[in-house]
Every structure is written in structure tokens, then in C-alpha cells.
Amino acid sequence: MSVRRWGTGLGATGVLLATGAWVAWPATDVDARLWAEVRPAIEARLVADSAGTGYEYKDARWFCRAEALDLDEHDGLVRAGVNTLCVEYGTHEGALLECAGAAIPQVVRLKRDPDGTYHVTSRQEPPDGSEYADWLAAHFSLATEPAAAGSLDAGTLQSTARTHFGLPANAPIRDC
């Protein structure tokens, strides 16, 4: 076989591989406008659903944040693939107490109300155990694979909790 045929074959193979990679790993840009509209509803629902699941330490409160992995909107319905982090905080003797928490990838579905706001219609999270990886593969692409548990930064939640409880920014954090 000639060098010219090898070159053509390798070039064609390169084009096929590049096309396959482009299809398998699409851009993960999230619509910032849409995320700003749905994020408050998602985080409020996370807080509401977390109530009653922690230590329930005196005056403790849940704080949650979500990170968009993918968003898809059609006719006022939104599917949001998100990483979530919820932590229950309380206070004791000037310290912020970290009582309970969880980082869980989820698929949240929302609907636009007539007033233009969104409300959550359903939330799905992976099952524990051996089906966890299969659930992630079925609900997220390789390009939007959720972060491992514990990889989301709790700094924003800690800051928000300190402000909520009237603690200084440098208040120590202790276990509940």
C-alpha cells in the first residue's frame, strides 16, 4: 500500500474520531439567564425537603446550593441536571455547628408559572448501592458527569449560615 493511501486513511480516521468526540462530548455551557430563574426554586425545594432529616439541633437550619450541569427548556418545562449540597448548621457559644449534610447529584424538573416564576414538579436522585453508577450514566452525559461527593465547596453555605445566625465571618466551625 502506498504512503498516499495510508495518509488518506489516517486523515479520514482522524476526522471520524473528532466527529465522534464532538457528538459524545457536547459543549456544557449552561444558559445563565435560565439558571438564574430556576436556581432559587431548586434551592428552596432542597431546603424544604431537607427539613426533618438531620440532627434537628436546637435552632439548626438547612442551607442548600445547587450547581447546574445541564439545562434544557421546552415550552415552559425545564429539566435541570444539578450537583447539590445541603448542610444543616446551628450555633453554640459563638461557633457555627455543622450538624448533617449531603452532596447528591439530581435531576430536577420545573414548570413555568403564569407569573413567569418556576416551581419544582419533581426531583430524582440516584439510588444507594450498586445502581448508583448506572443511574448517573442514564441521567447525565460524560461531559456533565456530576462531581464526586464532597467535591462541592461548602464555603458559600458556611458564609450564608454565619450571616443568618449573626456570627462573625471568622467564627469557628465545629461538629454538632
N, C-alpha and C. Protein backbone atom coordinates (compact mmCIF):
# COMPACT_ATOMS: atom_id res chain seq x y z
N MET A 1 0.84 -1.16 0.00
CA MET A 1 0.00 0.00 0.00
C MET A 1 0.90 1.24 0.00
N SER A 2 0.49 2.25 -0.71
CA SER A 2 1.32 3.44 -0.83
C SER A 2 1.16 4.36 0.39
N VAL A 3 2.13 5.24 0.53
CA VAL A 3 2.11 6.21 1.62
C VAL A 3 0.90 7.13 1.48
N ARG A 4 0.56 7.41 0.24
CA ARG A 4 -0.58 8.30 -0.01
C ARG A 4 -1.88 7.69 0.51
N ARG A 5 -2.10 6.40 0.30
CA ARG A 5 -3.31 5.75 0.81
C ARG A 5 -3.32 5.71 2.33
N TRP A 6 -2.17 5.44 2.93
CA TRP A 6 -2.07 5.43 4.38
C TRP A 6 -2.42 6.82 4.93
N GLY A 7 -1.91 7.85 4.32
CA GLY A 7 -2.19 9.22 4.76
C GLY A 7 -3.66 9.55 4.66
N THR A 8 -4.29 9.16 3.53
CA THR A 8 -5.72 9.41 3.35
C THR A 8 -6.52 8.64 4.39
N GLY A 9 -6.16 7.39 4.62
CA GLY A 9 -6.86 6.56 5.61
C GLY A 9 -6.73 7.12 7.01
N LEU A 10 -5.52 7.54 7.37
CA LEU A 10 -5.31 8.12 8.70
C LEU A 10 -6.06 9.45 8.85
N GLY A 11 -6.08 10.24 7.79
CA GLY A 11 -6.81 11.51 7.84
C GLY A 11 -8.30 11.28 8.02
N ALA A 12 -8.86 10.32 7.28
CA ALA A 12 -10.28 10.00 7.41
C ALA A 12 -10.60 9.48 8.80
N THR A 13 -9.72 8.66 9.33
CA THR A 13 -9.91 8.14 10.69
C THR A 13 -9.90 9.28 11.70
N GLY A 14 -9.00 10.23 11.53
CA GLY A 14 -8.93 11.38 12.42
C GLY A 14 -10.20 12.20 12.40
N VAL A 15 -10.75 12.41 11.19
CA VAL A 15 -11.99 13.16 11.07
C VAL A 15 -13.14 12.42 11.76
N LEU A 16 -13.21 11.11 11.59
CA LEU A 16 -14.26 10.32 12.23
C LEU A 16 -14.13 10.37 13.75
N LEU A 17 -12.91 10.25 14.26
CA LEU A 17 -12.70 10.32 15.71
C LEU A 17 -13.08 11.69 16.27
N ALA A 18 -12.69 12.74 15.58
CA ALA A 18 -13.01 14.09 16.04
C ALA A 18 -14.52 14.32 16.02
N THR A 19 -15.20 13.84 14.98
CA THR A 19 -16.65 13.98 14.89
C THR A 19 -17.33 13.20 16.01
N GLY A 20 -16.87 12.00 16.25
CA GLY A 20 -17.42 11.18 17.34
C GLY A 20 -17.23 11.84 18.68
N ALA A 21 -16.06 12.41 18.92
CA ALA A 21 -15.80 13.09 20.19
C ALA A 21 -16.70 14.31 20.34
N TRP A 22 -16.92 15.03 19.26
CA TRP A 22 -17.77 16.22 19.31
C TRP A 22 -19.21 15.83 19.64
N VAL A 23 -19.70 14.73 19.07
CA VAL A 23 -21.07 14.28 19.33
C VAL A 23 -21.19 13.71 20.75
N ALA A 24 -20.21 12.93 21.19
CA ALA A 24 -20.27 12.29 22.50
C ALA A 24 -20.07 13.29 23.63
N TRP A 25 -19.27 14.32 23.43
CA TRP A 25 -18.98 15.30 24.47
C TRP A 25 -19.37 16.70 24.00
N PRO A 26 -20.67 16.99 24.00
CA PRO A 26 -21.11 18.31 23.55
C PRO A 26 -20.70 19.39 24.54
N ALA A 27 -20.78 20.61 24.11
CA ALA A 27 -20.47 21.74 24.99
C ALA A 27 -21.43 21.74 26.17
N THR A 28 -20.91 22.09 27.34
CA THR A 28 -21.73 22.06 28.55
C THR A 28 -22.08 23.47 29.02
N ASP A 29 -22.10 24.42 28.12
CA ASP A 29 -22.46 25.77 28.51
C ASP A 29 -23.90 25.78 29.00
N VAL A 30 -24.11 26.39 30.15
CA VAL A 30 -25.43 26.48 30.74
C VAL A 30 -25.95 27.90 30.51
N ASP A 31 -27.21 28.00 30.12
CA ASP A 31 -27.85 29.29 29.90
C ASP A 31 -27.93 30.03 31.24
N ALA A 32 -27.11 31.06 31.41
CA ALA A 32 -27.02 31.79 32.68
C ALA A 32 -28.35 32.45 33.05
N ARG A 33 -29.06 32.98 32.06
CA ARG A 33 -30.35 33.62 32.33
C ARG A 33 -31.35 32.61 32.88
N LEU A 34 -31.46 31.45 32.23
CA LEU A 34 -32.38 30.42 32.68
C LEU A 34 -31.97 29.89 34.06
N TRP A 35 -30.66 29.67 34.26
CA TRP A 35 -30.19 29.19 35.56
C TRP A 35 -30.55 30.19 36.67
N ALA A 36 -30.40 31.46 36.40
CA ALA A 36 -30.75 32.48 37.40
C ALA A 36 -32.24 32.44 37.74
N GLU A 37 -33.07 32.05 36.79
CA GLU A 37 -34.51 31.96 37.02
C GLU A 37 -34.91 30.71 37.79
N VAL A 38 -34.27 29.57 37.51
CA VAL A 38 -34.70 28.31 38.13
C VAL A 38 -33.95 27.99 39.42
N ARG A 39 -32.76 28.53 39.60
CA ARG A 39 -31.95 28.20 40.78
C ARG A 39 -32.66 28.49 42.11
N PRO A 40 -33.30 29.65 42.28
CA PRO A 40 -33.98 29.89 43.56
C PRO A 40 -35.04 28.84 43.88
N ALA A 41 -35.79 28.41 42.88
CA ALA A 41 -36.83 27.40 43.11
C ALA A 41 -36.21 26.06 43.48
N ILE A 42 -35.12 25.70 42.82
CA ILE A 42 -34.43 24.44 43.11
C ILE A 42 -33.88 24.46 44.53
N GLU A 43 -33.18 25.53 44.89
CA GLU A 43 -32.56 25.59 46.22
C GLU A 43 -33.61 25.67 47.33
N ALA A 44 -34.71 26.38 47.10
CA ALA A 44 -35.79 26.43 48.10
C ALA A 44 -36.40 25.05 48.30
N ARG A 45 -36.57 24.32 47.22
CA ARG A 45 -37.13 22.96 47.34
C ARG A 45 -36.17 22.04 48.07
N LEU A 46 -34.87 22.17 47.81
CA LEU A 46 -33.87 21.36 48.52
C LEU A 46 -33.94 21.62 50.02
N VAL A 47 -34.03 22.90 50.41
CA VAL A 47 -34.12 23.25 51.83
C VAL A 47 -35.38 22.66 52.43
N ALA A 48 -36.52 22.83 51.75
CA ALA A 48 -37.79 22.32 52.27
C ALA A 48 -37.77 20.80 52.43
N ASP A 49 -37.20 20.11 51.46
CA ASP A 49 -37.16 18.65 51.50
C ASP A 49 -36.15 18.12 52.52
N SER A 50 -35.17 18.94 52.91
CA SER A 50 -34.17 18.51 53.88
C SER A 50 -34.68 18.59 55.32
N ALA A 51 -35.66 19.43 55.56
CA ALA A 51 -36.18 19.62 56.92
C ALA A 51 -36.60 18.27 57.51
N GLY A 52 -36.17 18.05 58.75
CA GLY A 52 -36.54 16.81 59.44
C GLY A 52 -35.62 15.64 59.15
N THR A 53 -34.55 15.87 58.40
CA THR A 53 -33.67 14.75 58.04
C THR A 53 -32.33 14.78 58.76
N GLY A 54 -32.06 15.79 59.56
CA GLY A 54 -30.75 15.90 60.20
C GLY A 54 -30.82 15.64 61.69
N TYR A 55 -29.91 16.26 62.41
CA TYR A 55 -29.86 16.11 63.86
C TYR A 55 -30.96 16.89 64.55
N GLU A 56 -31.49 17.91 63.87
CA GLU A 56 -32.51 18.77 64.43
C GLU A 56 -32.01 19.42 65.73
N TYR A 57 -30.76 19.84 65.69
CA TYR A 57 -30.16 20.55 66.81
C TYR A 57 -30.94 21.84 67.05
N LYS A 58 -30.99 22.26 68.30
CA LYS A 58 -31.72 23.48 68.67
C LYS A 58 -31.34 24.63 67.74
N ASP A 59 -32.32 25.27 67.16
CA ASP A 59 -32.15 26.41 66.26
C ASP A 59 -31.35 26.09 65.00
N ALA A 60 -31.21 24.82 64.68
CA ALA A 60 -30.49 24.46 63.45
C ALA A 60 -31.37 24.74 62.24
N ARG A 61 -30.71 24.94 61.12
CA ARG A 61 -31.41 25.26 59.87
C ARG A 61 -30.60 24.67 58.72
N TRP A 62 -31.30 24.23 57.67
CA TRP A 62 -30.65 23.70 56.48
C TRP A 62 -30.32 24.83 55.51
N PHE A 63 -29.17 24.70 54.86
CA PHE A 63 -28.72 25.61 53.80
C PHE A 63 -28.33 24.74 52.61
N CYS A 64 -28.81 25.09 51.44
CA CYS A 64 -28.54 24.28 50.25
C CYS A 64 -28.09 25.15 49.09
N ARG A 65 -27.30 24.55 48.23
CA ARG A 65 -26.94 25.21 46.98
C ARG A 65 -26.91 24.16 45.88
N ALA A 66 -27.15 24.62 44.68
CA ALA A 66 -27.15 23.75 43.52
C ALA A 66 -26.20 24.33 42.48
N GLU A 67 -25.59 23.44 41.74
CA GLU A 67 -24.67 23.81 40.67
C GLU A 67 -25.20 23.16 39.39
N ALA A 68 -25.46 23.96 38.38
CA ALA A 68 -26.03 23.44 37.13
C ALA A 68 -25.00 22.67 36.34
N LEU A 69 -25.39 21.49 35.91
CA LEU A 69 -24.57 20.71 34.99
C LEU A 69 -25.14 20.79 33.58
N ASP A 70 -26.46 20.71 33.49
CA ASP A 70 -27.12 20.88 32.20
C ASP A 70 -28.53 21.41 32.42
N LEU A 71 -28.99 22.18 31.45
CA LEU A 71 -30.35 22.73 31.48
C LEU A 71 -30.97 22.56 30.11
N ASP A 72 -32.23 22.18 30.12
CA ASP A 72 -32.95 22.03 28.86
C ASP A 72 -34.37 22.56 29.07
N GLU A 73 -34.78 23.52 28.24
CA GLU A 73 -36.11 24.12 28.37
C GLU A 73 -36.91 23.91 27.09
N HIS A 74 -38.15 23.47 27.25
CA HIS A 74 -39.09 23.32 26.13
C HIS A 74 -40.48 23.70 26.62
N ASP A 75 -41.08 24.70 26.01
CA ASP A 75 -42.46 25.10 26.28
C ASP A 75 -42.74 25.31 27.77
N GLY A 76 -41.85 26.00 28.48
CA GLY A 76 -42.07 26.30 29.88
C GLY A 76 -41.72 25.18 30.85
N LEU A 77 -41.24 24.05 30.32
CA LEU A 77 -40.80 22.94 31.17
C LEU A 77 -39.28 22.88 31.12
N VAL A 78 -38.65 22.72 32.28
CA VAL A 78 -37.20 22.70 32.37
C VAL A 78 -36.74 21.40 33.01
N ARG A 79 -35.71 20.81 32.43
CA ARG A 79 -35.01 19.67 33.03
C ARG A 79 -33.64 20.20 33.42
N ALA A 80 -33.31 20.10 34.70
CA ALA A 80 -32.03 20.57 35.20
C ALA A 80 -31.26 19.42 35.83
N GLY A 81 -30.10 19.13 35.28
CA GLY A 81 -29.18 18.18 35.91
C GLY A 81 -28.27 18.99 36.82
N VAL A 82 -28.25 18.68 38.10
CA VAL A 82 -27.53 19.51 39.06
C VAL A 82 -26.72 18.69 40.06
N ASN A 83 -25.64 19.29 40.54
CA ASN A 83 -24.96 18.83 41.74
C ASN A 83 -25.60 19.60 42.87
N THR A 84 -25.88 18.97 43.98
CA THR A 84 -26.46 19.67 45.11
C THR A 84 -25.63 19.44 46.37
N LEU A 85 -25.64 20.42 47.24
CA LEU A 85 -25.00 20.31 48.54
C LEU A 85 -25.93 20.94 49.55
N CYS A 86 -26.33 20.18 50.57
CA CYS A 86 -27.16 20.69 51.65
C CYS A 86 -26.48 20.37 52.96
N VAL A 87 -26.40 21.38 53.85
CA VAL A 87 -25.77 21.20 55.15
C VAL A 87 -26.67 21.83 56.21
N GLU A 88 -26.83 21.11 57.32
CA GLU A 88 -27.58 21.62 58.46
C GLU A 88 -26.60 22.28 59.41
N TYR A 89 -26.84 23.58 59.69
CA TYR A 89 -25.98 24.34 60.60
C TYR A 89 -26.79 24.83 61.79
N GLY A 90 -26.10 24.93 62.92
CA GLY A 90 -26.64 25.52 64.13
C GLY A 90 -25.54 26.36 64.76
N THR A 91 -25.78 26.86 65.96
CA THR A 91 -24.75 27.64 66.66
C THR A 91 -24.66 27.18 68.11
N HIS A 92 -23.49 27.38 68.67
CA HIS A 92 -23.29 27.11 70.10
C HIS A 92 -22.07 27.88 70.56
N GLU A 93 -22.26 28.75 71.54
CA GLU A 93 -21.18 29.53 72.14
C GLU A 93 -20.31 30.23 71.10
N GLY A 94 -20.95 30.90 70.15
CA GLY A 94 -20.23 31.68 69.15
C GLY A 94 -19.61 30.90 68.02
N ALA A 95 -19.85 29.59 67.97
CA ALA A 95 -19.30 28.76 66.89
C ALA A 95 -20.44 28.31 65.97
N LEU A 96 -20.12 28.10 64.71
CA LEU A 96 -21.06 27.54 63.75
C LEU A 96 -20.93 26.02 63.85
N LEU A 97 -22.04 25.36 64.10
CA LEU A 97 -22.04 23.91 64.20
C LEU A 97 -22.50 23.29 62.89
N GLU A 98 -21.71 22.36 62.38
CA GLU A 98 -22.09 21.63 61.18
C GLU A 98 -22.67 20.31 61.64
N CYS A 99 -23.98 20.16 61.46
CA CYS A 99 -24.68 19.03 62.06
C CYS A 99 -24.87 17.85 61.11
N ALA A 100 -25.27 18.08 59.90
CA ALA A 100 -25.52 17.00 58.93
C ALA A 100 -25.36 17.59 57.54
N GLY A 101 -25.25 16.73 56.57
CA GLY A 101 -25.15 17.23 55.20
C GLY A 101 -25.04 16.12 54.19
N ALA A 102 -25.26 16.50 52.93
CA ALA A 102 -25.16 15.55 51.84
C ALA A 102 -24.91 16.28 50.53
N ALA A 103 -24.09 15.67 49.69
CA ALA A 103 -23.86 16.15 48.32
C ALA A 103 -24.41 15.08 47.39
N ILE A 104 -25.44 15.44 46.61
CA ILE A 104 -26.12 14.45 45.79
C ILE A 104 -26.42 15.03 44.40
N PRO A 105 -26.04 14.32 43.34
CA PRO A 105 -26.47 14.76 42.01
C PRO A 105 -27.96 14.48 41.86
N GLN A 106 -28.64 15.35 41.14
CA GLN A 106 -30.08 15.19 40.98
C GLN A 106 -30.53 15.67 39.61
N VAL A 107 -31.68 15.19 39.21
CA VAL A 107 -32.37 15.72 38.04
C VAL A 107 -33.64 16.36 38.57
N VAL A 108 -33.79 17.65 38.31
CA VAL A 108 -34.93 18.41 38.80
C VAL A 108 -35.74 18.88 37.59
N ARG A 109 -37.04 18.71 37.69
CA ARG A 109 -37.93 19.19 36.63
C ARG A 109 -38.76 20.34 37.19
N LEU A 110 -38.89 21.37 36.38
CA LEU A 110 -39.60 22.58 36.80
C LEU A 110 -40.59 23.00 35.73
N LYS A 111 -41.58 23.77 36.16
CA LYS A 111 -42.59 24.30 35.24
C LYS A 111 -42.71 25.80 35.48
N ARG A 112 -42.84 26.54 34.39
CA ARG A 112 -43.01 27.99 34.49
C ARG A 112 -44.47 28.29 34.83
N ASP A 113 -44.63 29.12 35.86
CA ASP A 113 -45.96 29.56 36.28
C ASP A 113 -46.41 30.73 35.41
N PRO A 114 -47.70 31.06 35.43
CA PRO A 114 -48.19 32.19 34.63
C PRO A 114 -47.49 33.51 34.96
N ASP A 115 -47.02 33.67 36.21
CA ASP A 115 -46.34 34.91 36.58
C ASP A 115 -44.87 34.93 36.15
N GLY A 116 -44.41 33.87 35.47
CA GLY A 116 -43.04 33.82 34.97
C GLY A 116 -42.04 33.15 35.89
N THR A 117 -42.44 32.85 37.12
CA THR A 117 -41.53 32.14 38.03
C THR A 117 -41.64 30.63 37.78
N TYR A 118 -40.75 29.89 38.38
CA TYR A 118 -40.74 28.44 38.21
C TYR A 118 -41.03 27.75 39.53
N HIS A 119 -41.62 26.57 39.44
CA HIS A 119 -41.77 25.71 40.62
C HIS A 119 -41.32 24.30 40.25
N VAL A 120 -40.79 23.60 41.23
CA VAL A 120 -40.28 22.25 41.02
C VAL A 120 -41.46 21.29 40.96
N THR A 121 -41.49 20.47 39.92
CA THR A 121 -42.54 19.45 39.80
C THR A 121 -42.04 18.08 40.23
N SER A 122 -40.73 17.84 40.11
CA SER A 122 -40.18 16.56 40.58
C SER A 122 -38.67 16.65 40.75
N ARG A 123 -38.17 15.78 41.61
CA ARG A 123 -36.73 15.65 41.83
C ARG A 123 -36.40 14.16 41.82
N GLN A 124 -35.31 13.82 41.16
CA GLN A 124 -34.83 12.44 41.16
C GLN A 124 -33.38 12.44 41.61
N GLU A 125 -33.02 11.46 42.41
CA GLU A 125 -31.64 11.30 42.82
C GLU A 125 -31.27 9.83 42.70
N PRO A 126 -29.99 9.56 42.60
CA PRO A 126 -29.58 8.18 42.38
C PRO A 126 -29.84 7.30 43.60
N PRO A 127 -30.10 6.02 43.35
CA PRO A 127 -30.28 5.10 44.47
C PRO A 127 -28.92 4.79 45.12
N ASP A 128 -28.95 4.41 46.35
CA ASP A 128 -27.72 3.99 47.02
C ASP A 128 -27.31 2.61 46.49
N GLY A 129 -26.05 2.33 46.63
CA GLY A 129 -25.58 0.99 46.31
C GLY A 129 -25.13 0.80 44.88
N SER A 130 -25.28 -0.42 44.40
CA SER A 130 -24.72 -0.83 43.11
C SER A 130 -25.38 -0.16 41.92
N GLU A 131 -26.58 0.37 42.06
CA GLU A 131 -27.28 1.00 40.94
C GLU A 131 -26.91 2.47 40.76
N TYR A 132 -26.10 3.02 41.66
CA TYR A 132 -25.73 4.44 41.64
C TYR A 132 -25.07 4.82 40.31
N ALA A 133 -24.03 4.09 39.91
CA ALA A 133 -23.29 4.42 38.68
C ALA A 133 -24.18 4.28 37.44
N ASP A 134 -25.03 3.27 37.41
CA ASP A 134 -25.93 3.10 36.27
C ASP A 134 -26.91 4.27 36.16
N TRP A 135 -27.41 4.74 37.31
CA TRP A 135 -28.33 5.88 37.31
C TRP A 135 -27.63 7.11 36.77
N LEU A 136 -26.40 7.38 37.22
CA LEU A 136 -25.66 8.54 36.72
C LEU A 136 -25.47 8.45 35.21
N ALA A 137 -25.08 7.28 34.73
CA ALA A 137 -24.85 7.10 33.29
C ALA A 137 -26.14 7.31 32.49
N ALA A 138 -27.27 6.94 33.05
CA ALA A 138 -28.55 7.08 32.36
C ALA A 138 -29.08 8.51 32.38
N HIS A 139 -28.66 9.31 33.36
CA HIS A 139 -29.23 10.66 33.53
C HIS A 139 -28.28 11.80 33.19
N PHE A 140 -26.99 11.51 33.03
CA PHE A 140 -26.01 12.55 32.73
C PHE A 140 -25.07 12.06 31.63
N SER A 141 -24.60 12.98 30.80
CA SER A 141 -23.62 12.62 29.78
C SER A 141 -22.22 12.65 30.41
N LEU A 142 -21.26 12.12 29.68
CA LEU A 142 -19.88 12.15 30.18
C LEU A 142 -19.41 13.57 30.39
N ALA A 143 -19.87 14.49 29.55
CA ALA A 143 -19.44 15.88 29.65
C ALA A 143 -20.04 16.58 30.86
N THR A 144 -21.16 16.07 31.38
CA THR A 144 -21.81 16.73 32.52
C THR A 144 -21.84 15.83 33.74
N GLU A 145 -20.91 14.89 33.81
CA GLU A 145 -20.90 13.96 34.93
C GLU A 145 -20.79 14.72 36.25
N PRO A 146 -21.65 14.39 37.21
CA PRO A 146 -21.64 15.09 38.49
C PRO A 146 -20.33 14.91 39.24
N ALA A 147 -20.01 15.89 40.05
CA ALA A 147 -18.81 15.84 40.87
C ALA A 147 -18.97 14.77 41.94
N ALA A 148 -17.85 14.25 42.38
CA ALA A 148 -17.88 13.26 43.46
C ALA A 148 -18.38 13.92 44.74
N ALA A 149 -19.00 13.11 45.58
CA ALA A 149 -19.50 13.63 46.86
C ALA A 149 -18.36 14.28 47.61
N GLY A 150 -18.64 15.41 48.18
CA GLY A 150 -17.62 16.12 48.95
C GLY A 150 -16.78 17.08 48.14
N SER A 151 -16.95 17.09 46.81
CA SER A 151 -16.13 17.98 45.98
C SER A 151 -16.74 19.38 45.85
N LEU A 152 -18.00 19.53 46.20
CA LEU A 152 -18.61 20.86 46.17
C LEU A 152 -18.14 21.65 47.38
N ASP A 153 -17.80 22.89 47.16
CA ASP A 153 -17.28 23.75 48.22
C ASP A 153 -18.41 24.24 49.13
N ALA A 154 -18.26 24.00 50.43
CA ALA A 154 -19.27 24.43 51.40
C ALA A 154 -19.02 25.86 51.89
N GLY A 155 -17.98 26.52 51.39
CA GLY A 155 -17.64 27.87 51.86
C GLY A 155 -18.79 28.86 51.74
N THR A 156 -19.50 28.84 50.63
CA THR A 156 -20.62 29.76 50.44
C THR A 156 -21.73 29.47 51.45
N LEU A 157 -22.00 28.19 51.69
CA LEU A 157 -23.03 27.84 52.66
C LEU A 157 -22.62 28.26 54.07
N GLN A 158 -21.35 28.07 54.40
CA GLN A 158 -20.86 28.47 55.72
C GLN A 158 -21.00 29.98 55.91
N SER A 159 -20.63 30.73 54.89
CA SER A 159 -20.74 32.18 54.95
C SER A 159 -22.19 32.62 55.11
N THR A 160 -23.08 32.00 54.35
CA THR A 160 -24.50 32.32 54.43
C THR A 160 -25.06 31.97 55.81
N ALA A 161 -24.64 30.82 56.34
CA ALA A 161 -25.11 30.40 57.67
C ALA A 161 -24.59 31.35 58.76
N ARG A 162 -23.33 31.75 58.67
CA ARG A 162 -22.78 32.69 59.65
C ARG A 162 -23.60 34.00 59.64
N THR A 163 -23.88 34.50 58.45
CA THR A 163 -24.66 35.73 58.33
C THR A 163 -26.06 35.52 58.91
N HIS A 164 -26.69 34.42 58.56
CA HIS A 164 -28.04 34.12 59.05
C HIS A 164 -28.08 34.11 60.58
N PHE A 165 -27.09 33.50 61.20
CA PHE A 165 -27.07 33.38 62.66
C PHE A 165 -26.42 34.58 63.35
N GLY A 166 -25.98 35.57 62.58
CA GLY A 166 -25.37 36.76 63.16
C GLY A 166 -23.97 36.51 63.75
N LEU A 167 -23.25 35.56 63.19
CA LEU A 167 -21.91 35.24 63.64
C LEU A 167 -20.88 36.01 62.82
N PRO A 168 -19.73 36.31 63.39
CA PRO A 168 -18.68 36.97 62.61
C PRO A 168 -18.16 36.02 61.52
N ALA A 169 -17.57 36.63 60.49
CA ALA A 169 -17.07 35.85 59.34
C ALA A 169 -16.00 34.84 59.74
N ASN A 170 -15.32 35.07 60.85
CA ASN A 170 -14.26 34.14 61.26
C ASN A 170 -14.70 33.21 62.39
N ALA A 171 -16.00 33.11 62.64
CA ALA A 171 -16.49 32.21 63.69
C ALA A 171 -16.03 30.79 63.39
N PRO A 172 -15.55 30.07 64.39
CA PRO A 172 -15.08 28.70 64.16
C PRO A 172 -16.22 27.76 63.77
N ILE A 173 -15.87 26.70 63.08
CA ILE A 173 -16.83 25.69 62.68
C ILE A 173 -16.51 24.42 63.47
N ARG A 174 -17.54 23.87 64.11
CA ARG A 174 -17.37 22.66 64.90
C ARG A 174 -18.44 21.64 64.49
N ASP A 175 -18.19 20.40 64.84
CA ASP A 175 -19.20 19.37 64.61
C ASP A 175 -20.33 19.52 65.61
N CYS A 176 -21.50 19.14 65.21
CA CYS A 176 -22.70 19.24 66.03
C CYS A 176 -22.60 18.29 67.22
